[in-house]
PDB file of all heavy atoms in Angstrom:
ATOM      1  N   ALA A   1      63.526   3.362  -5.016  1.00  0.00           N
ATOM      2  CA  ALA A   1      64.327   4.499  -5.467  1.00  0.00           C
ATOM      3  C   ALA A   1      65.344   4.953  -4.429  1.00  0.00           C
ATOM      4  O   ALA A   1      66.281   5.690  -4.757  1.00  0.00           O
ATOM      5  CB  ALA A   1      63.405   5.668  -5.838  1.00  0.00           C
ATOM      6  N   GLY A   2      65.199   4.535  -3.168  1.00  0.00           N
ATOM      7  CA  GLY A   2      66.107   4.995  -2.130  1.00  0.00           C
ATOM      8  C   GLY A   2      65.922   6.484  -1.845  1.00  0.00           C
ATOM      9  O   GLY A   2      64.894   7.082  -2.174  1.00  0.00           O
ATOM     10  N   ALA A   3      66.911   7.085  -1.247  1.00  0.00           N
ATOM     11  CA  ALA A   3      66.844   8.516  -0.939  1.00  0.00           C
ATOM     12  C   ALA A   3      66.945   9.329  -2.224  1.00  0.00           C
ATOM     13  O   ALA A   3      67.741   9.025  -3.108  1.00  0.00           O
ATOM     14  CB  ALA A   3      67.958   8.891   0.022  1.00  0.00           C
ATOM     15  N   SER A   4      66.119  10.356  -2.318  1.00  0.00           N
ATOM     16  CA  SER A   4      66.142  11.213  -3.501  1.00  0.00           C
ATOM     17  C   SER A   4      67.340  12.161  -3.439  1.00  0.00           C
ATOM     18  O   SER A   4      67.994  12.314  -2.401  1.00  0.00           O
ATOM     19  CB  SER A   4      64.850  12.024  -3.583  1.00  0.00           C
ATOM     20  OG  SER A   4      64.776  12.952  -2.510  1.00  0.00           O
ATOM     21  N   ARG A   5      67.607  12.830  -4.572  1.00  0.00           N
ATOM     22  CA  ARG A   5      68.703  13.790  -4.603  1.00  0.00           C
ATOM     23  C   ARG A   5      68.447  14.926  -3.611  1.00  0.00           C
ATOM     24  O   ARG A   5      69.377  15.368  -2.917  1.00  0.00           O
ATOM     25  CB  ARG A   5      68.860  14.348  -6.024  1.00  0.00           C
ATOM     26  CG  ARG A   5      69.968  15.388  -6.144  1.00  0.00           C
ATOM     27  CD  ARG A   5      70.128  15.856  -7.578  1.00  0.00           C
ATOM     28  NE  ARG A   5      70.522  14.758  -8.448  1.00  0.00           N
ATOM     29  CZ  ARG A   5      70.717  14.881  -9.759  1.00  0.00           C
ATOM     30  NH1 ARG A   5      70.540  16.064 -10.344  1.00  0.00           N
ATOM     31  NH2 ARG A   5      71.079  13.842 -10.480  1.00  0.00           N
ATOM     32  N   ALA A   6      67.193  15.376  -3.522  1.00  0.00           N
ATOM     33  CA  ALA A   6      66.871  16.460  -2.586  1.00  0.00           C
ATOM     34  C   ALA A   6      67.121  16.025  -1.147  1.00  0.00           C
ATOM     35  O   ALA A   6      67.630  16.818  -0.327  1.00  0.00           O
ATOM     36  CB  ALA A   6      65.420  16.895  -2.768  1.00  0.00           C
ATOM     37  N   GLN A   7      66.777  14.783  -0.817  1.00  0.00           N
ATOM     38  CA  GLN A   7      67.023  14.291   0.533  1.00  0.00           C
ATOM     39  C   GLN A   7      68.516  14.220   0.826  1.00  0.00           C
ATOM     40  O   GLN A   7      68.956  14.562   1.930  1.00  0.00           O
ATOM     41  CB  GLN A   7      66.378  12.914   0.710  1.00  0.00           C
ATOM     42  CG  GLN A   7      64.854  12.951   0.786  1.00  0.00           C
ATOM     43  CD  GLN A   7      64.255  11.551   0.809  1.00  0.00           C
ATOM     44  OE1 GLN A   7      64.495  10.750  -0.095  1.00  0.00           O
ATOM     45  NE2 GLN A   7      63.470  11.259   1.832  1.00  0.00           N
ATOM     46  N   CYS A   8      69.282  13.742  -0.140  1.00  0.00           N
ATOM     47  CA  CYS A   8      70.733  13.657   0.051  1.00  0.00           C
ATOM     48  C   CYS A   8      71.339  15.051   0.233  1.00  0.00           C
ATOM     49  O   CYS A   8      72.210  15.254   1.096  1.00  0.00           O
ATOM     50  CB  CYS A   8      71.372  12.957  -1.144  1.00  0.00           C
ATOM     51  SG  CYS A   8      70.936  11.209  -1.291  1.00  0.00           S
ATOM     52  N   VAL A   9      70.873  16.010  -0.588  1.00  0.00           N
ATOM     53  CA  VAL A   9      71.379  17.382  -0.461  1.00  0.00           C
ATOM     54  C   VAL A   9      71.023  17.957   0.904  1.00  0.00           C
ATOM     55  O   VAL A   9      71.861  18.588   1.580  1.00  0.00           O
ATOM     56  CB  VAL A   9      70.818  18.267  -1.591  1.00  0.00           C
ATOM     57  CG1 VAL A   9      71.122  19.734  -1.333  1.00  0.00           C
ATOM     58  CG2 VAL A   9      71.391  17.835  -2.939  1.00  0.00           C
ATOM     59  N   PHE A  10      69.772  17.731   1.335  1.00  0.00           N
ATOM     60  CA  PHE A  10      69.331  18.248   2.640  1.00  0.00           C
ATOM     61  C   PHE A  10      70.172  17.654   3.762  1.00  0.00           C
ATOM     62  O   PHE A  10      70.612  18.371   4.676  1.00  0.00           O
ATOM     63  CB  PHE A  10      67.855  17.926   2.853  1.00  0.00           C
ATOM     64  CG  PHE A  10      67.328  18.352   4.198  1.00  0.00           C
ATOM     65  CD1 PHE A  10      66.944  19.663   4.427  1.00  0.00           C
ATOM     66  CD2 PHE A  10      67.239  17.438   5.240  1.00  0.00           C
ATOM     67  CE1 PHE A  10      66.483  20.057   5.679  1.00  0.00           C
ATOM     68  CE2 PHE A  10      66.781  17.820   6.490  1.00  0.00           C
ATOM     69  CZ  PHE A  10      66.390  19.138   6.709  1.00  0.00           C
ATOM     70  N   ALA A  11      70.405  16.335   3.713  1.00  0.00           N
ATOM     71  CA  ALA A  11      71.195  15.687   4.763  1.00  0.00           C
ATOM     72  C   ALA A  11      72.624  16.217   4.774  1.00  0.00           C
ATOM     73  O   ALA A  11      73.204  16.474   5.848  1.00  0.00           O
ATOM     74  CB  ALA A  11      71.195  14.177   4.548  1.00  0.00           C
ATOM     75  N   THR A  12      73.199  16.417   3.583  1.00  0.00           N
ATOM     76  CA  THR A  12      74.571  16.931   3.493  1.00  0.00           C
ATOM     77  C   THR A  12      74.665  18.345   4.064  1.00  0.00           C
ATOM     78  O   THR A  12      75.588  18.667   4.834  1.00  0.00           O
ATOM     79  CB  THR A  12      75.045  16.919   2.033  1.00  0.00           C
ATOM     80  OG1 THR A  12      74.951  15.580   1.520  1.00  0.00           O
ATOM     81  CG2 THR A  12      76.479  17.406   1.931  1.00  0.00           C
ATOM     82  N   VAL A  13      73.696  19.189   3.689  1.00  0.00           N
ATOM     83  CA  VAL A  13      73.691  20.569   4.187  1.00  0.00           C
ATOM     84  C   VAL A  13      73.503  20.590   5.702  1.00  0.00           C
ATOM     85  O   VAL A  13      74.163  21.369   6.415  1.00  0.00           O
ATOM     86  CB  VAL A  13      72.586  21.381   3.479  1.00  0.00           C
ATOM     87  CG1 VAL A  13      72.410  22.744   4.152  1.00  0.00           C
ATOM     88  CG2 VAL A  13      72.916  21.554   2.008  1.00  0.00           C
ATOM     89  N   ALA A  14      72.600  19.736   6.208  1.00  0.00           N
ATOM     90  CA  ALA A  14      72.347  19.706   7.651  1.00  0.00           C
ATOM     91  C   ALA A  14      73.594  19.288   8.413  1.00  0.00           C
ATOM     92  O   ALA A  14      73.951  19.902   9.442  1.00  0.00           O
ATOM     93  CB  ALA A  14      71.194  18.757   7.954  1.00  0.00           C
ATOM     94  N   VAL A  15      74.261  18.242   7.923  1.00  0.00           N
ATOM     95  CA  VAL A  15      75.491  17.792   8.592  1.00  0.00           C
ATOM     96  C   VAL A  15      76.568  18.869   8.509  1.00  0.00           C
ATOM     97  O   VAL A  15      77.282  19.147   9.492  1.00  0.00           O
ATOM     98  CB  VAL A  15      75.982  16.466   7.966  1.00  0.00           C
ATOM     99  CG1 VAL A  15      77.370  16.107   8.501  1.00  0.00           C
ATOM    100  CG2 VAL A  15      75.005  15.344   8.264  1.00  0.00           C
ATOM    101  N   GLY A  16      76.680  19.505   7.326  1.00  0.00           N
ATOM    102  CA  GLY A  16      77.676  20.567   7.170  1.00  0.00           C
ATOM    103  C   GLY A  16      77.401  21.744   8.080  1.00  0.00           C
ATOM    104  O   GLY A  16      78.331  22.296   8.706  1.00  0.00           O
ATOM    105  N   ALA A  17      76.127  22.139   8.179  1.00  0.00           N
ATOM    106  CA  ALA A  17      75.767  23.265   9.039  1.00  0.00           C
ATOM    107  C   ALA A  17      76.029  22.943  10.502  1.00  0.00           C
ATOM    108  O   ALA A  17      76.532  23.795  11.262  1.00  0.00           O
ATOM    109  CB  ALA A  17      74.298  23.631   8.828  1.00  0.00           C
ATOM    110  N   ALA A  18      75.702  21.710  10.905  1.00  0.00           N
ATOM    111  CA  ALA A  18      75.943  21.317  12.293  1.00  0.00           C
ATOM    112  C   ALA A  18      77.437  21.303  12.594  1.00  0.00           C
ATOM    113  O   ALA A  18      77.871  21.759  13.670  1.00  0.00           O
ATOM    114  CB  ALA A  18      75.329  19.947  12.557  1.00  0.00           C
ATOM    115  N   SER A  19      78.230  20.807  11.654  1.00  0.00           N
ATOM    116  CA  SER A  19      79.683  20.769  11.863  1.00  0.00           C
ATOM    117  C   SER A  19      80.252  22.185  11.972  1.00  0.00           C
ATOM    118  O   SER A  19      81.114  22.467  12.830  1.00  0.00           O
ATOM    119  CB  SER A  19      80.358  20.028  10.704  1.00  0.00           C
ATOM    120  OG  SER A  19      79.865  18.710  10.608  1.00  0.00           O
ATOM    121  N   PHE A  20      79.766  23.063  11.102  1.00  0.00           N
ATOM    122  CA  PHE A  20      80.228  24.457  11.144  1.00  0.00           C
ATOM    123  C   PHE A  20      79.848  25.117  12.475  1.00  0.00           C
ATOM    124  O   PHE A  20      80.664  25.823  13.093  1.00  0.00           O
ATOM    125  CB  PHE A  20      79.624  25.229   9.974  1.00  0.00           C
ATOM    126  CG  PHE A  20      80.001  26.680   9.951  1.00  0.00           C
ATOM    127  CD1 PHE A  20      81.257  27.077   9.507  1.00  0.00           C
ATOM    128  CD2 PHE A  20      79.105  27.660  10.399  1.00  0.00           C
ATOM    129  CE1 PHE A  20      81.618  28.429   9.494  1.00  0.00           C
ATOM    130  CE2 PHE A  20      79.461  29.000  10.392  1.00  0.00           C
ATOM    131  CZ  PHE A  20      80.726  29.385   9.939  1.00  0.00           C
ATOM    132  N   ALA A  21      78.603  24.852  12.899  1.00  0.00           N
ATOM    133  CA  ALA A  21      78.147  25.442  14.162  1.00  0.00           C
ATOM    134  C   ALA A  21      78.962  24.926  15.339  1.00  0.00           C
ATOM    135  O   ALA A  21      79.329  25.703  16.240  1.00  0.00           O
ATOM    136  CB  ALA A  21      76.661  25.141  14.360  1.00  0.00           C
ATOM    137  N   PHE A  22      79.264  23.639  15.346  1.00  0.00           N
ATOM    138  CA  PHE A  22      80.078  23.084  16.427  1.00  0.00           C
ATOM    139  C   PHE A  22      81.482  23.687  16.412  1.00  0.00           C
ATOM    140  O   PHE A  22      82.094  23.901  17.466  1.00  0.00           O
ATOM    141  CB  PHE A  22      80.167  21.557  16.296  1.00  0.00           C
ATOM    142  CG  PHE A  22      79.087  20.830  17.022  1.00  0.00           C
ATOM    143  CD1 PHE A  22      78.056  20.206  16.331  1.00  0.00           C
ATOM    144  CD2 PHE A  22      79.085  20.767  18.411  1.00  0.00           C
ATOM    145  CE1 PHE A  22      77.051  19.537  17.000  1.00  0.00           C
ATOM    146  CE2 PHE A  22      78.090  20.093  19.088  1.00  0.00           C
ATOM    147  CZ  PHE A  22      77.058  19.475  18.384  1.00  0.00           C
ATOM    148  N   GLY A  23      81.976  23.951  15.205  1.00  0.00           N
ATOM    149  CA  GLY A  23      83.305  24.543  15.115  1.00  0.00           C
ATOM    150  C   GLY A  23      83.342  25.970  15.612  1.00  0.00           C
ATOM    151  O   GLY A  23      84.319  26.403  16.242  1.00  0.00           O
ATOM    152  N   MET A  24      82.268  26.733  15.353  1.00  0.00           N
ATOM    153  CA  MET A  24      82.230  28.142  15.730  1.00  0.00           C
ATOM    154  C   MET A  24      81.796  28.346  17.182  1.00  0.00           C
ATOM    155  O   MET A  24      82.371  29.178  17.897  1.00  0.00           O
ATOM    156  CB  MET A  24      81.280  28.894  14.788  1.00  0.00           C
ATOM    157  CG  MET A  24      81.702  28.876  13.332  1.00  0.00           C
ATOM    158  SD  MET A  24      83.309  29.669  13.063  1.00  0.00           S
ATOM    159  CE  MET A  24      82.894  31.371  13.466  1.00  0.00           C
ATOM    160  N   ALA A  25      80.754  27.637  17.595  1.00  0.00           N
ATOM    161  CA  ALA A  25      80.220  27.822  18.962  1.00  0.00           C
ATOM    162  C   ALA A  25      79.693  26.482  19.460  1.00  0.00           C
ATOM    163  O   ALA A  25      78.488  26.212  19.406  1.00  0.00           O
ATOM    164  CB  ALA A  25      79.115  28.875  18.961  1.00  0.00           C
ATOM    165  N   PRO A  26      80.582  25.632  19.914  1.00  0.00           N
ATOM    166  CA  PRO A  26      80.173  24.261  20.263  1.00  0.00           C
ATOM    167  C   PRO A  26      79.110  24.184  21.353  1.00  0.00           C
ATOM    168  O   PRO A  26      78.184  23.378  21.254  1.00  0.00           O
ATOM    169  CB  PRO A  26      81.486  23.607  20.710  1.00  0.00           C
ATOM    170  CG  PRO A  26      82.418  24.732  21.002  1.00  0.00           C
ATOM    171  CD  PRO A  26      82.008  25.852  20.106  1.00  0.00           C
ATOM    172  N   ILE A  27      79.210  25.016  22.374  1.00  0.00           N
ATOM    173  CA  ILE A  27      78.241  24.951  23.468  1.00  0.00           C
ATOM    174  C   ILE A  27      76.847  25.342  22.970  1.00  0.00           C
ATOM    175  O   ILE A  27      75.848  24.667  23.248  1.00  0.00           O
ATOM    176  CB  ILE A  27      78.671  25.862  24.638  1.00  0.00           C
ATOM    177  CG1 ILE A  27      80.056  25.443  25.152  1.00  0.00           C
ATOM    178  CG2 ILE A  27      77.628  25.797  25.749  1.00  0.00           C
ATOM    179  CD1 ILE A  27      80.113  24.027  25.678  1.00  0.00           C
ATOM    180  N   THR A  28      76.781  26.437  22.233  1.00  0.00           N
ATOM    181  CA  THR A  28      75.487  26.894  21.705  1.00  0.00           C
ATOM    182  C   THR A  28      74.891  25.873  20.746  1.00  0.00           C
ATOM    183  O   THR A  28      73.694  25.577  20.794  1.00  0.00           O
ATOM    184  CB  THR A  28      75.657  28.247  20.986  1.00  0.00           C
ATOM    185  OG1 THR A  28      76.234  29.190  21.892  1.00  0.00           O
ATOM    186  CG2 THR A  28      74.322  28.761  20.481  1.00  0.00           C
ATOM    187  N   ALA A  29      75.720  25.316  19.864  1.00  0.00           N
ATOM    188  CA  ALA A  29      75.237  24.325  18.900  1.00  0.00           C
ATOM    189  C   ALA A  29      74.693  23.094  19.618  1.00  0.00           C
ATOM    190  O   ALA A  29      73.626  22.573  19.275  1.00  0.00           O
ATOM    191  CB  ALA A  29      76.364  23.932  17.950  1.00  0.00           C
ATOM    192  N   LEU A  30      75.431  22.632  20.618  1.00  0.00           N
ATOM    193  CA  LEU A  30      74.982  21.458  21.365  1.00  0.00           C
ATOM    194  C   LEU A  30      73.668  21.734  22.074  1.00  0.00           C
ATOM    195  O   LEU A  30      72.770  20.883  22.120  1.00  0.00           O
ATOM    196  CB  LEU A  30      76.060  21.043  22.374  1.00  0.00           C
ATOM    197  CG  LEU A  30      75.754  19.809  23.212  1.00  0.00           C
ATOM    198  CD1 LEU A  30      75.584  18.590  22.314  1.00  0.00           C
ATOM    199  CD2 LEU A  30      76.856  19.568  24.242  1.00  0.00           C
ATOM    200  N   THR A  31      73.529  22.937  22.619  1.00  0.00           N
ATOM    201  CA  THR A  31      72.299  23.302  23.325  1.00  0.00           C
ATOM    202  C   THR A  31      71.103  23.327  22.374  1.00  0.00           C
ATOM    203  O   THR A  31      70.032  22.794  22.689  1.00  0.00           O
ATOM    204  CB  THR A  31      72.457  24.675  23.994  1.00  0.00           C
ATOM    205  OG1 THR A  31      73.533  24.624  24.919  1.00  0.00           O
ATOM    206  CG2 THR A  31      71.181  25.067  24.719  1.00  0.00           C
ATOM    207  N   VAL A  32      71.274  23.939  21.202  1.00  0.00           N
ATOM    208  CA  VAL A  32      70.177  24.026  20.229  1.00  0.00           C
ATOM    209  C   VAL A  32      69.759  22.636  19.761  1.00  0.00           C
ATOM    210  O   VAL A  32      68.567  22.311  19.704  1.00  0.00           O
ATOM    211  CB  VAL A  32      70.592  24.912  19.039  1.00  0.00           C
ATOM    212  CG1 VAL A  32      69.556  24.822  17.921  1.00  0.00           C
ATOM    213  CG2 VAL A  32      70.770  26.353  19.484  1.00  0.00           C
ATOM    214  N   ILE A  33      70.757  21.809  19.418  1.00  0.00           N
ATOM    215  CA  ILE A  33      70.437  20.450  18.952  1.00  0.00           C
ATOM    216  C   ILE A  33      69.775  19.649  20.063  1.00  0.00           C
ATOM    217  O   ILE A  33      68.791  18.924  19.848  1.00  0.00           O
ATOM    218  CB  ILE A  33      71.717  19.752  18.450  1.00  0.00           C
ATOM    219  CG1 ILE A  33      72.223  20.440  17.181  1.00  0.00           C
ATOM    220  CG2 ILE A  33      71.460  18.275  18.184  1.00  0.00           C
ATOM    221  CD1 ILE A  33      73.548  19.911  16.680  1.00  0.00           C
ATOM    222  N   SER A  34      70.293  19.781  21.280  1.00  0.00           N
ATOM    223  CA  SER A  34      69.723  19.050  22.417  1.00  0.00           C
ATOM    224  C   SER A  34      68.282  19.462  22.673  1.00  0.00           C
ATOM    225  O   SER A  34      67.403  18.618  22.897  1.00  0.00           O
ATOM    226  CB  SER A  34      70.571  19.284  23.662  1.00  0.00           C
ATOM    227  OG  SER A  34      69.991  18.670  24.784  1.00  0.00           O
ATOM    228  N   LEU A  35      68.014  20.773  22.636  1.00  0.00           N
ATOM    229  CA  LEU A  35      66.648  21.257  22.847  1.00  0.00           C
ATOM    230  C   LEU A  35      65.712  20.741  21.761  1.00  0.00           C
ATOM    231  O   LEU A  35      64.584  20.304  22.044  1.00  0.00           O
ATOM    232  CB  LEU A  35      66.643  22.793  22.873  1.00  0.00           C
ATOM    233  CG  LEU A  35      67.124  23.468  24.157  1.00  0.00           C
ATOM    234  CD1 LEU A  35      67.225  24.977  23.964  1.00  0.00           C
ATOM    235  CD2 LEU A  35      66.172  23.142  25.309  1.00  0.00           C
ATOM    236  N   SER A  36      66.160  20.799  20.514  1.00  0.00           N
ATOM    237  CA  SER A  36      65.309  20.355  19.402  1.00  0.00           C
ATOM    238  C   SER A  36      64.977  18.873  19.528  1.00  0.00           C
ATOM    239  O   SER A  36      63.812  18.467  19.417  1.00  0.00           O
ATOM    240  CB  SER A  36      66.015  20.623  18.069  1.00  0.00           C
ATOM    241  OG  SER A  36      66.327  21.991  17.923  1.00  0.00           O
ATOM    242  N   MET A  37      66.011  18.043  19.760  1.00  0.00           N
ATOM    243  CA  MET A  37      65.780  16.606  19.858  1.00  0.00           C
ATOM    244  C   MET A  37      64.919  16.268  21.070  1.00  0.00           C
ATOM    245  O   MET A  37      64.038  15.405  21.000  1.00  0.00           O
ATOM    246  CB  MET A  37      67.117  15.866  19.945  1.00  0.00           C
ATOM    247  CG  MET A  37      68.012  16.042  18.716  1.00  0.00           C
ATOM    248  SD  MET A  37      67.217  15.450  17.210  1.00  0.00           S
ATOM    249  CE  MET A  37      67.093  13.715  17.539  1.00  0.00           C
ATOM    250  N   THR A  38      65.162  16.961  22.185  1.00  0.00           N
ATOM    251  CA  THR A  38      64.372  16.683  23.391  1.00  0.00           C
ATOM    252  C   THR A  38      62.906  17.021  23.162  1.00  0.00           C
ATOM    253  O   THR A  38      62.011  16.282  23.612  1.00  0.00           O
ATOM    254  CB  THR A  38      64.922  17.482  24.577  1.00  0.00           C
ATOM    255  OG1 THR A  38      66.302  17.175  24.766  1.00  0.00           O
ATOM    256  CG2 THR A  38      64.168  17.144  25.853  1.00  0.00           C
ATOM    257  N   CYS A  39      62.629  18.118  22.467  1.00  0.00           N
ATOM    258  CA  CYS A  39      61.234  18.486  22.171  1.00  0.00           C
ATOM    259  C   CYS A  39      60.561  17.418  21.312  1.00  0.00           C
ATOM    260  O   CYS A  39      59.412  17.031  21.563  1.00  0.00           O
ATOM    261  CB  CYS A  39      61.189  19.837  21.477  1.00  0.00           C
ATOM    262  SG  CYS A  39      61.548  21.239  22.551  1.00  0.00           S
TER     263      CYS A  39
END
């Protein structure tokens, strides 16, 4: 079945939110993402 519609929507929203955050506060966004991935 591949990725479900919910998974595609979640991925799209996540990418959109990350892009928006980088546009508004790039340093803070990078720090949050870096901390999350490092954990």
